[in-house]
Amino acid sequence: MRVVAELSGGRVHVSELARRLGMSRPLLYMHLDRLEKAGLVTGQLELSEDGKAMKYYALAPFDVQVNAETITQAVRQAAANGDGSAGQ
């Protein structure tokens, strides 16, 4: 949720996003990968003027509705995955 909140102000370079969140880039990339697979964020690779690859992330339009049924399904999926994640 913190990643989504930070991206609500517009697209952000991944290093800047990691600094704002106080998170390592590898851990942030893991979260961003999951959010991207879920369709909540988009990543775009750009080249800087000096030729460096720069990865920017932005929110994708989405609407999430949560109710008892969706929570129950997520818990069951997490148990089936055996890793505590609801999967994508």
PDB file of N, CA and C in Angstrom:
ATOM      1  N   MET A   1       0.827  -1.194   0.000  1.00  0.00           N
ATOM      2  CA  MET A   1       0.000   0.000   0.000  1.00  0.00           C
ATOM      3  C   MET A   1       0.868   1.253   0.000  1.00  0.00           C
ATOM      4  N   ARG A   2       2.036   1.183   0.640  1.00  0.00           N
ATOM      5  CA  ARG A   2       2.917   2.346   0.656  1.00  0.00           C
ATOM      6  C   ARG A   2       3.427   2.660  -0.747  1.00  0.00           C
ATOM      7  N   VAL A   3       3.709   1.616  -1.539  1.00  0.00           N
ATOM      8  CA  VAL A   3       4.180   1.833  -2.909  1.00  0.00           C
ATOM      9  C   VAL A   3       3.099   2.538  -3.712  1.00  0.00           C
ATOM     10  N   VAL A   4       1.879   2.058  -3.612  1.00  0.00           N
ATOM     11  CA  VAL A   4       0.760   2.675  -4.329  1.00  0.00           C
ATOM     12  C   VAL A   4       0.580   4.121  -3.879  1.00  0.00           C
ATOM     13  N   ALA A   5       0.672   4.367  -2.586  1.00  0.00           N
ATOM     14  CA  ALA A   5       0.518   5.731  -2.071  1.00  0.00           C
ATOM     15  C   ALA A   5       1.596   6.652  -2.635  1.00  0.00           C
ATOM     16  N   GLU A   6       2.840   6.190  -2.700  1.00  0.00           N
ATOM     17  CA  GLU A   6       3.922   7.025  -3.240  1.00  0.00           C
ATOM     18  C   GLU A   6       3.724   7.301  -4.726  1.00  0.00           C
ATOM     19  N   LEU A   7       3.216   6.319  -5.451  1.00  0.00           N
ATOM     20  CA  LEU A   7       3.019   6.495  -6.892  1.00  0.00           C
ATOM     21  C   LEU A   7       1.773   7.302  -7.231  1.00  0.00           C
ATOM     22  N   SER A   8       0.937   7.573  -6.240  1.00  0.00           N
ATOM     23  CA  SER A   8      -0.293   8.326  -6.515  1.00  0.00           C
ATOM     24  C   SER A   8      -0.004   9.753  -6.958  1.00  0.00           C
ATOM     25  N   GLY A   9       1.195  10.262  -6.667  1.00  0.00           N
ATOM     26  CA  GLY A   9       1.573  11.609  -7.087  1.00  0.00           C
ATOM     27  C   GLY A   9       2.163  11.672  -8.485  1.00  0.00           C
ATOM     28  N   GLY A  10       2.320  10.539  -9.143  1.00  0.00           N
ATOM     29  CA  GLY A  10       2.891  10.508 -10.483  1.00  0.00           C
ATOM     30  C   GLY A  10       4.026   9.511 -10.573  1.00  0.00           C
ATOM     31  N   ARG A  11       4.553   9.355 -11.760  1.00  0.00           N
ATOM     32  CA  ARG A  11       5.597   8.355 -11.987  1.00  0.00           C
ATOM     33  C   ARG A  11       6.878   8.731 -11.241  1.00  0.00           C
ATOM     34  N   VAL A  12       7.610   7.684 -10.823  1.00  0.00           N
ATOM     35  CA  VAL A  12       8.808   7.889 -10.011  1.00  0.00           C
ATOM     36  C   VAL A  12       9.884   6.904 -10.469  1.00  0.00           C
ATOM     37  N   HIS A  13      11.124   7.378 -10.519  1.00  0.00           N
ATOM     38  CA  HIS A  13      12.264   6.509 -10.814  1.00  0.00           C
ATOM     39  C   HIS A  13      12.442   5.538  -9.653  1.00  0.00           C
ATOM     40  N   VAL A  14      12.790   4.310  -9.962  1.00  0.00           N
ATOM     41  CA  VAL A  14      12.838   3.264  -8.944  1.00  0.00           C
ATOM     42  C   VAL A  14      13.802   3.585  -7.804  1.00  0.00           C
ATOM     43  N   SER A  15      14.937   4.205  -8.089  1.00  0.00           N
ATOM     44  CA  SER A  15      15.873   4.546  -7.008  1.00  0.00           C
ATOM     45  C   SER A  15      15.283   5.585  -6.073  1.00  0.00           C
ATOM     46  N   GLU A  16      14.598   6.571  -6.643  1.00  0.00           N
ATOM     47  CA  GLU A  16      13.941   7.596  -5.824  1.00  0.00           C
ATOM     48  C   GLU A  16      12.822   6.968  -4.991  1.00  0.00           C
ATOM     49  N   LEU A  17      12.071   6.071  -5.584  1.00  0.00           N
ATOM     50  CA  LEU A  17      10.990   5.400  -4.865  1.00  0.00           C
ATOM     51  C   LEU A  17      11.554   4.592  -3.696  1.00  0.00           C
ATOM     52  N   ALA A  18      12.666   3.901  -3.908  1.00  0.00           N
ATOM     53  CA  ALA A  18      13.294   3.127  -2.838  1.00  0.00           C
ATOM     54  C   ALA A  18      13.728   4.045  -1.700  1.00  0.00           C
ATOM     55  N   ARG A  19      14.289   5.209  -2.035  1.00  0.00           N
ATOM     56  CA  ARG A  19      14.704   6.162  -0.989  1.00  0.00           C
ATOM     57  C   ARG A  19      13.502   6.660  -0.202  1.00  0.00           C
ATOM     58  N   ARG A  20      12.448   7.020  -0.906  1.00  0.00           N
ATOM     59  CA  ARG A  20      11.248   7.528  -0.221  1.00  0.00           C
ATOM     60  C   ARG A  20      10.656   6.502   0.727  1.00  0.00           C
ATOM     61  N   LEU A  21      10.717   5.239   0.336  1.00  0.00           N
ATOM     62  CA  LEU A  21      10.118   4.173   1.139  1.00  0.00           C
ATOM     63  C   LEU A  21      11.076   3.590   2.172  1.00  0.00           C
ATOM     64  N   GLY A  22      12.356   3.959   2.101  1.00  0.00           N
ATOM     65  CA  GLY A  22      13.339   3.380   3.012  1.00  0.00           C
ATOM     66  C   GLY A  22      13.490   1.889   2.804  1.00  0.00           C
ATOM     67  N   MET A  23      13.526   1.467   1.539  1.00  0.00           N
ATOM     68  CA  MET A  23      13.512   0.061   1.181  1.00  0.00           C
ATOM     69  C   MET A  23      14.653  -0.227   0.199  1.00  0.00           C
ATOM     70  N   SER A  24      15.221  -1.402   0.258  1.00  0.00           N
ATOM     71  CA  SER A  24      16.261  -1.760  -0.701  1.00  0.00           C
ATOM     72  C   SER A  24      15.646  -1.900  -2.094  1.00  0.00           C
ATOM     73  N   ARG A  25      16.453  -1.631  -3.115  1.00  0.00           N
ATOM     74  CA  ARG A  25      15.936  -1.751  -4.481  1.00  0.00           C
ATOM     75  C   ARG A  25      15.530  -3.184  -4.821  1.00  0.00           C
ATOM     76  N   PRO A  26      16.313  -4.216  -4.435  1.00  0.00           N
ATOM     77  CA  PRO A  26      15.868  -5.584  -4.745  1.00  0.00           C
ATOM     78  C   PRO A  26      14.500  -5.922  -4.136  1.00  0.00           C
ATOM     79  N   LEU A  27      14.271  -5.513  -2.885  1.00  0.00           N
ATOM     80  CA  LEU A  27      12.978  -5.770  -2.253  1.00  0.00           C
ATOM     81  C   LEU A  27      11.875  -4.974  -2.952  1.00  0.00           C
ATOM     82  N   LEU A  28      12.173  -3.730  -3.295  1.00  0.00           N
ATOM     83  CA  LEU A  28      11.188  -2.906  -4.001  1.00  0.00           C
ATOM     84  C   LEU A  28      10.852  -3.513  -5.360  1.00  0.00           C
ATOM     85  N   TYR A  29      11.863  -3.970  -6.101  1.00  0.00           N
ATOM     86  CA  TYR A  29      11.609  -4.597  -7.399  1.00  0.00           C
ATOM     87  C   TYR A  29      10.702  -5.814  -7.254  1.00  0.00           C
ATOM     88  N   MET A  30      10.865  -6.592  -6.168  1.00  0.00           N
ATOM     89  CA  MET A  30       9.992  -7.741  -5.946  1.00  0.00           C
ATOM     90  C   MET A  30       8.541  -7.284  -5.797  1.00  0.00           C
ATOM     91  N   HIS A  31       8.331  -6.229  -4.992  1.00  0.00           N
ATOM     92  CA  HIS A  31       6.970  -5.717  -4.800  1.00  0.00           C
ATOM     93  C   HIS A  31       6.420  -5.124  -6.093  1.00  0.00           C
ATOM     94  N   LEU A  32       7.250  -4.364  -6.804  1.00  0.00           N
ATOM     95  CA  LEU A  32       6.798  -3.753  -8.059  1.00  0.00           C
ATOM     96  C   LEU A  32       6.456  -4.811  -9.100  1.00  0.00           C
ATOM     97  N   ASP A  33       7.224  -5.899  -9.139  1.00  0.00           N
ATOM     98  CA  ASP A  33       6.932  -6.990 -10.069  1.00  0.00           C
ATOM     99  C   ASP A  33       5.557  -7.589  -9.791  1.00  0.00           C
ATOM    100  N   ARG A  34       5.259  -7.811  -8.529  1.00  0.00           N
ATOM    101  CA  ARG A  34       3.945  -8.363  -8.164  1.00  0.00           C
ATOM    102  C   ARG A  34       2.818  -7.382  -8.489  1.00  0.00           C
ATOM    103  N   LEU A  35       3.053  -6.102  -8.195  1.00  0.00           N
ATOM    104  CA  LEU A  35       2.035  -5.088  -8.501  1.00  0.00           C
ATOM    105  C   LEU A  35       1.827  -4.948 -10.004  1.00  0.00           C
ATOM    106  N   GLU A  36       2.908  -5.074 -10.767  1.00  0.00           N
ATOM    107  CA  GLU A  36       2.800  -4.980 -12.222  1.00  0.00           C
ATOM    108  C   GLU A  36       2.039  -6.184 -12.780  1.00  0.00           C
ATOM    109  N   LYS A  37       2.333  -7.377 -12.280  1.00  0.00           N
ATOM    110  CA  LYS A  37       1.627  -8.580 -12.719  1.00  0.00           C
ATOM    111  C   LYS A  37       0.147  -8.513 -12.376  1.00  0.00           C
ATOM    112  N   ALA A  38      -0.179  -7.836 -11.276  1.00  0.00           N
ATOM    113  CA  ALA A  38      -1.578  -7.682 -10.869  1.00  0.00           C
ATOM    114  C   ALA A  38      -2.270  -6.562 -11.631  1.00  0.00           C
ATOM    115  N   GLY A  39      -1.518  -5.805 -12.449  1.00  0.00           N
ATOM    116  CA  GLY A  39      -2.108  -4.733 -13.244  1.00  0.00           C
ATOM    117  C   GLY A  39      -2.311  -3.430 -12.494  1.00  0.00           C
ATOM    118  N   LEU A  40      -1.621  -3.282 -11.357  1.00  0.00           N
ATOM    119  CA  LEU A  40      -1.804  -2.072 -10.550  1.00  0.00           C
ATOM    120  C   LEU A  40      -0.795  -0.979 -10.873  1.00  0.00           C
ATOM    121  N   VAL A  41       0.388  -1.373 -11.365  1.00  0.00           N
ATOM    122  CA  VAL A  41       1.406  -0.393 -11.750  1.00  0.00           C
ATOM    123  C   VAL A  41       1.962  -0.769 -13.114  1.00  0.00           C
ATOM    124  N   THR A  42       2.597   0.207 -13.759  1.00  0.00           N
ATOM    125  CA  THR A  42       3.285  -0.038 -15.019  1.00  0.00           C
ATOM    126  C   THR A  42       4.716   0.448 -14.887  1.00  0.00           C
ATOM    127  N   GLY A  43       5.632  -0.264 -15.515  1.00  0.00           N
ATOM    128  CA  GLY A  43       7.028   0.129 -15.524  1.00  0.00           C
ATOM    129  C   GLY A  43       7.446   0.504 -16.934  1.00  0.00           C
ATOM    130  N   GLN A  44       8.282   1.533 -17.038  1.00  0.00           N
ATOM    131  CA  GLN A  44       8.749   1.981 -18.340  1.00  0.00           C
ATOM    132  C   GLN A  44      10.246   2.236 -18.264  1.00  0.00           C
ATOM    133  N   LEU A  45      10.988   1.613 -19.169  1.00  0.00           N
ATOM    134  CA  LEU A  45      12.431   1.786 -19.235  1.00  0.00           C
ATOM    135  C   LEU A  45      12.747   2.908 -20.207  1.00  0.00           C
ATOM    136  N   GLU A  46      13.563   3.864 -19.760  1.00  0.00           N
ATOM    137  CA  GLU A  46      13.955   4.992 -20.598  1.00  0.00           C
ATOM    138  C   GLU A  46      15.468   5.146 -20.528  1.00  0.00           C
ATOM    139  N   LEU A  47      16.039   5.761 -21.548  1.00  0.00           N
ATOM    140  CA  LEU A  47      17.464   6.052 -21.551  1.00  0.00           C
ATOM    141  C   LEU A  47      17.683   7.500 -21.170  1.00  0.00           C
ATOM    142  N   SER A  48      18.628   7.719 -20.246  1.00  0.00           N
ATOM    143  CA  SER A  48      18.964   9.082 -19.853  1.00  0.00           C
ATOM    144  C   SER A  48      19.845   9.702 -20.938  1.00  0.00           C
ATOM    145  N   GLU A  49      20.117  10.975 -20.808  1.00  0.00           N
ATOM    146  CA  GLU A  49      20.941  11.662 -21.794  1.00  0.00           C
ATOM    147  C   GLU A  49      22.331  11.057 -21.914  1.00  0.00           C
ATOM    148  N   ASP A  50      22.835  10.494 -20.811  1.00  0.00           N
ATOM    149  CA  ASP A  50      24.164   9.883 -20.852  1.00  0.00           C
ATOM    150  C   ASP A  50      24.116   8.382 -21.168  1.00  0.00           C
ATOM    151  N   GLY A  51      22.959   7.889 -21.598  1.00  0.00           N
ATOM    152  CA  GLY A  51      22.827   6.509 -22.051  1.00  0.00           C
ATOM    153  C   GLY A  51      22.520   5.480 -20.980  1.00  0.00           C
ATOM    154  N   LYS A  52      22.266   5.907 -19.753  1.00  0.00           N
ATOM    155  CA  LYS A  52      21.937   4.964 -18.682  1.00  0.00           C
ATOM    156  C   LYS A  52      20.471   4.570 -18.761  1.00  0.00           C
ATOM    157  N   ALA A  53      20.198   3.298 -18.462  1.00  0.00           N
ATOM    158  CA  ALA A  53      18.823   2.816 -18.411  1.00  0.00           C
ATOM    159  C   ALA A  53      18.166   3.300 -17.126  1.00  0.00           C
ATOM    160  N   MET A  54      17.006   3.894 -17.247  1.00  0.00           N
ATOM    161  CA  MET A  54      16.269   4.436 -16.102  1.00  0.00           C
ATOM    162  C   MET A  54      14.883   3.786 -16.093  1.00  0.00           C
ATOM    163  N   LYS A  55      14.530   3.141 -14.981  1.00  0.00           N
ATOM    164  CA  LYS A  55      13.225   2.489 -14.868  1.00  0.00           C
ATOM    165  C   LYS A  55      12.301   3.364 -14.041  1.00  0.00           C
ATOM    166  N   TYR A  56      11.169   3.744 -14.634  1.00  0.00           N
ATOM    167  CA  TYR A  56      10.159   4.556 -13.967  1.00  0.00           C
ATOM    168  C   TYR A  56       8.902   3.719 -13.778  1.00  0.00           C
ATOM    169  N   TYR A  57       8.218   3.945 -12.663  1.00  0.00           N
ATOM    170  CA  TYR A  57       6.960   3.258 -12.389  1.00  0.00           C
ATOM    171  C   TYR A  57       5.856   4.281 -12.171  1.00  0.00           C
ATOM    172  N   ALA A  58       4.652   3.894 -12.580  1.00  0.00           N
ATOM    173  CA  ALA A  58       3.472   4.737 -12.404  1.00  0.00           C
ATOM    174  C   ALA A  58       2.285   3.834 -12.081  1.00  0.00           C
ATOM    175  N   LEU A  59       1.267   4.428 -11.500  1.00  0.00           N
ATOM    176  CA  LEU A  59       0.045   3.675 -11.239  1.00  0.00           C
ATOM    177  C   LEU A  59      -0.714   3.439 -12.535  1.00  0.00           C
ATOM    178  N   ALA A  60      -1.304   2.276 -12.644  1.00  0.00           N
ATOM    179  CA  ALA A  60      -2.247   1.982 -13.723  1.00  0.00           C
ATOM    180  C   ALA A  60      -3.639   2.261 -13.167  1.00  0.00           C
ATOM    181  N   PRO A  61      -4.575   2.634 -14.024  1.00  0.00           N
ATOM    182  CA  PRO A  61      -5.941   2.824 -13.519  1.00  0.00           C
ATOM    183  C   PRO A  61      -6.484   1.496 -12.966  1.00  0.00           C
ATOM    184  N   PHE A  62      -7.005   1.532 -11.754  1.00  0.00           N
ATOM    185  CA  PHE A  62      -7.588   0.322 -11.181  1.00  0.00           C
ATOM    186  C   PHE A  62      -8.604   0.690 -10.113  1.00  0.00           C
ATOM    187  N   ASP A  63      -9.445  -0.279  -9.813  1.00  0.00           N
ATOM    188  CA  ASP A  63     -10.443  -0.139  -8.768  1.00  0.00           C
ATOM    189  C   ASP A  63     -10.494  -1.473  -8.035  1.00  0.00           C
ATOM    190  N   VAL A  64     -10.316  -1.443  -6.741  1.00  0.00           N
ATOM    191  CA  VAL A  64     -10.306  -2.667  -5.938  1.00  0.00           C
ATOM    192  C   VAL A  64     -11.522  -2.678  -5.030  1.00  0.00           C
ATOM    193  N   GLN A  65     -12.232  -3.792  -5.059  1.00  0.00           N
ATOM    194  CA  GLN A  65     -13.364  -3.971  -4.159  1.00  0.00           C
ATOM    195  C   GLN A  65     -13.071  -5.189  -3.288  1.00  0.00           C
ATOM    196  N   VAL A  66     -13.153  -4.995  -1.984  1.00  0.00           N
ATOM    197  CA  VAL A  66     -12.865  -6.071  -1.040  1.00  0.00           C
ATOM    198  C   VAL A  66     -14.108  -6.363  -0.216  1.00  0.00           C
ATOM    199  N   ASN A  67     -14.414  -7.647  -0.116  1.00  0.00           N
ATOM    200  CA  ASN A  67     -15.507  -8.078   0.749  1.00  0.00           C
ATOM    201  C   ASN A  67     -15.093  -9.398   1.397  1.00  0.00           C
ATOM    202  N   ALA A  68     -15.945  -9.955   2.210  1.00  0.00           N
ATOM    203  CA  ALA A  68     -15.600 -11.182   2.930  1.00  0.00           C
ATOM    204  C   ALA A  68     -15.251 -12.313   1.965  1.00  0.00           C
ATOM    205  N   GLU A  69     -15.934 -12.401   0.851  1.00  0.00           N
ATOM    206  CA  GLU A  69     -15.671 -13.477  -0.115  1.00  0.00           C
ATOM    207  C   GLU A  69     -14.284 -13.345  -0.742  1.00  0.00           C
ATOM    208  N   THR A  70     -13.894 -12.130  -1.125  1.00  0.00           N
ATOM    209  CA  THR A  70     -12.576 -11.959  -1.743  1.00  0.00           C
ATOM    210  C   THR A  70     -11.459 -12.209  -0.728  1.00  0.00           C
ATOM    211  N   ILE A  71     -11.672 -11.833   0.518  1.00  0.00           N
ATOM    212  CA  ILE A  71     -10.675 -12.094   1.555  1.00  0.00           C
ATOM    213  C   ILE A  71     -10.542 -13.593   1.797  1.00  0.00           C
ATOM    214  N   THR A  72     -11.669 -14.295   1.865  1.00  0.00           N
ATOM    215  CA  THR A  72     -11.660 -15.740   2.069  1.00  0.00           C
ATOM    216  C   THR A  72     -10.940 -16.443   0.921  1.00  0.00           C
ATOM    217  N   GLN A  73     -11.197 -16.013  -0.306  1.00  0.00           N
ATOM    218  CA  GLN A  73     -10.523 -16.606  -1.461  1.00  0.00           C
ATOM    219  C   GLN A  73      -9.018 -16.354  -1.410  1.00  0.00           C
ATOM    220  N   ALA A  74      -8.613 -15.156  -1.021  1.00  0.00           N
ATOM    221  CA  ALA A  74      -7.187 -14.825  -0.931  1.00  0.00           C
ATOM    222  C   ALA A  74      -6.498 -15.667   0.133  1.00  0.00           C
ATOM    223  N   VAL A  75      -7.156 -15.860   1.268  1.00  0.00           N
ATOM    224  CA  VAL A  75      -6.576 -16.674   2.346  1.00  0.00           C
ATOM    225  C   VAL A  75      -6.439 -18.124   1.890  1.00  0.00           C
ATOM    226  N   ARG A  76      -7.446 -18.640   1.220  1.00  0.00           N
ATOM    227  CA  ARG A  76      -7.385 -20.026   0.723  1.00  0.00           C
ATOM    228  C   ARG A  76      -6.286 -20.187  -0.317  1.00  0.00           C
ATOM    229  N   GLN A  77      -6.142 -19.200  -1.205  1.00  0.00           N
ATOM    230  CA  GLN A  77      -5.093 -19.254  -2.220  1.00  0.00           C
ATOM    231  C   GLN A  77      -3.717 -19.196  -1.581  1.00  0.00           C
ATOM    232  N   ALA A  78      -3.559 -18.356  -0.564  1.00  0.00           N
ATOM    233  CA  ALA A  78      -2.273 -18.255   0.133  1.00  0.00           C
ATOM    234  C   ALA A  78      -1.925 -19.579   0.796  1.00  0.00           C
ATOM    235  N   ALA A  79      -2.916 -20.222   1.396  1.00  0.00           N
ATOM    236  CA  ALA A  79      -2.680 -21.516   2.034  1.00  0.00           C
ATOM    237  C   ALA A  79      -2.306 -22.566   0.986  1.00  0.00           C
ATOM    238  N   ALA A  80      -2.947 -22.510  -0.171  1.00  0.00           N
ATOM    239  CA  ALA A  80      -2.645 -23.464  -1.242  1.00  0.00           C
ATOM    240  C   ALA A  80      -1.238 -23.238  -1.804  1.00  0.00           C
ATOM    241  N   ASN A  81      -0.800 -21.968  -1.854  1.00  0.00           N
ATOM    242  CA  ASN A  81       0.543 -21.646  -2.335  1.00  0.00           C
ATOM    243  C   ASN A  81       1.610 -22.079  -1.346  1.00  0.00           C
ATOM    244  N   GLY A  82       1.245 -22.168  -0.068  1.00  0.00           N
ATOM    245  CA  GLY A  82       2.185 -22.590   0.947  1.00  0.00           C
ATOM    246  C   GLY A  82       3.238 -21.554   1.292  1.00  0.00           C
ATOM    247  N   ASP A  83       3.115 -20.333   0.740  1.00  0.00           N
ATOM    248  CA  ASP A  83       4.124 -19.322   1.012  1.00  0.00           C
ATOM    249  C   ASP A  83       3.524 -18.049   1.625  1.00  0.00           C
ATOM    250  N   GLY A  84       2.256 -18.104   1.935  1.00  0.00           N
ATOM    251  CA  GLY A  84       1.625 -16.950   2.559  1.00  0.00           C
ATOM    252  C   GLY A  84       1.208 -15.864   1.587  1.00  0.00           C
ATOM    253  N   SER A  85       1.441 -16.078   0.278  1.00  0.00           N
ATOM    254  CA  SER A  85       1.018 -15.053  -0.690  1.00  0.00           C
ATOM    255  C   SER A  85      -0.243 -15.523  -1.401  1.00  0.00           C
ATOM    256  N   ALA A  86      -1.039 -14.573  -1.806  1.00  0.00           N
ATOM    257  CA  ALA A  86      -2.280 -14.903  -2.507  1.00  0.00           C
ATOM    258  C   ALA A  86      -2.036 -15.199  -3.977  1.00  0.00           C
ATOM    259  N   GLY A  87      -0.814 -14.963  -4.462  1.00  0.00           N
ATOM    260  CA  GLY A  87      -0.504 -15.243  -5.860  1.00  0.00           C
ATOM    261  C   GLY A  87      -1.111 -14.208  -6.787  1.00  0.00           C
ATOM    262  N   GLN A  88      -0.818 -14.362  -8.071  1.00  0.00           N
ATOM    263  CA  GLN A  88      -1.342 -13.438  -9.081  1.00  0.00           C
ATOM    264  C   GLN A  88      -2.150 -14.231 -10.082  1.00  0.00           C
TER     265      GLN A  88
END
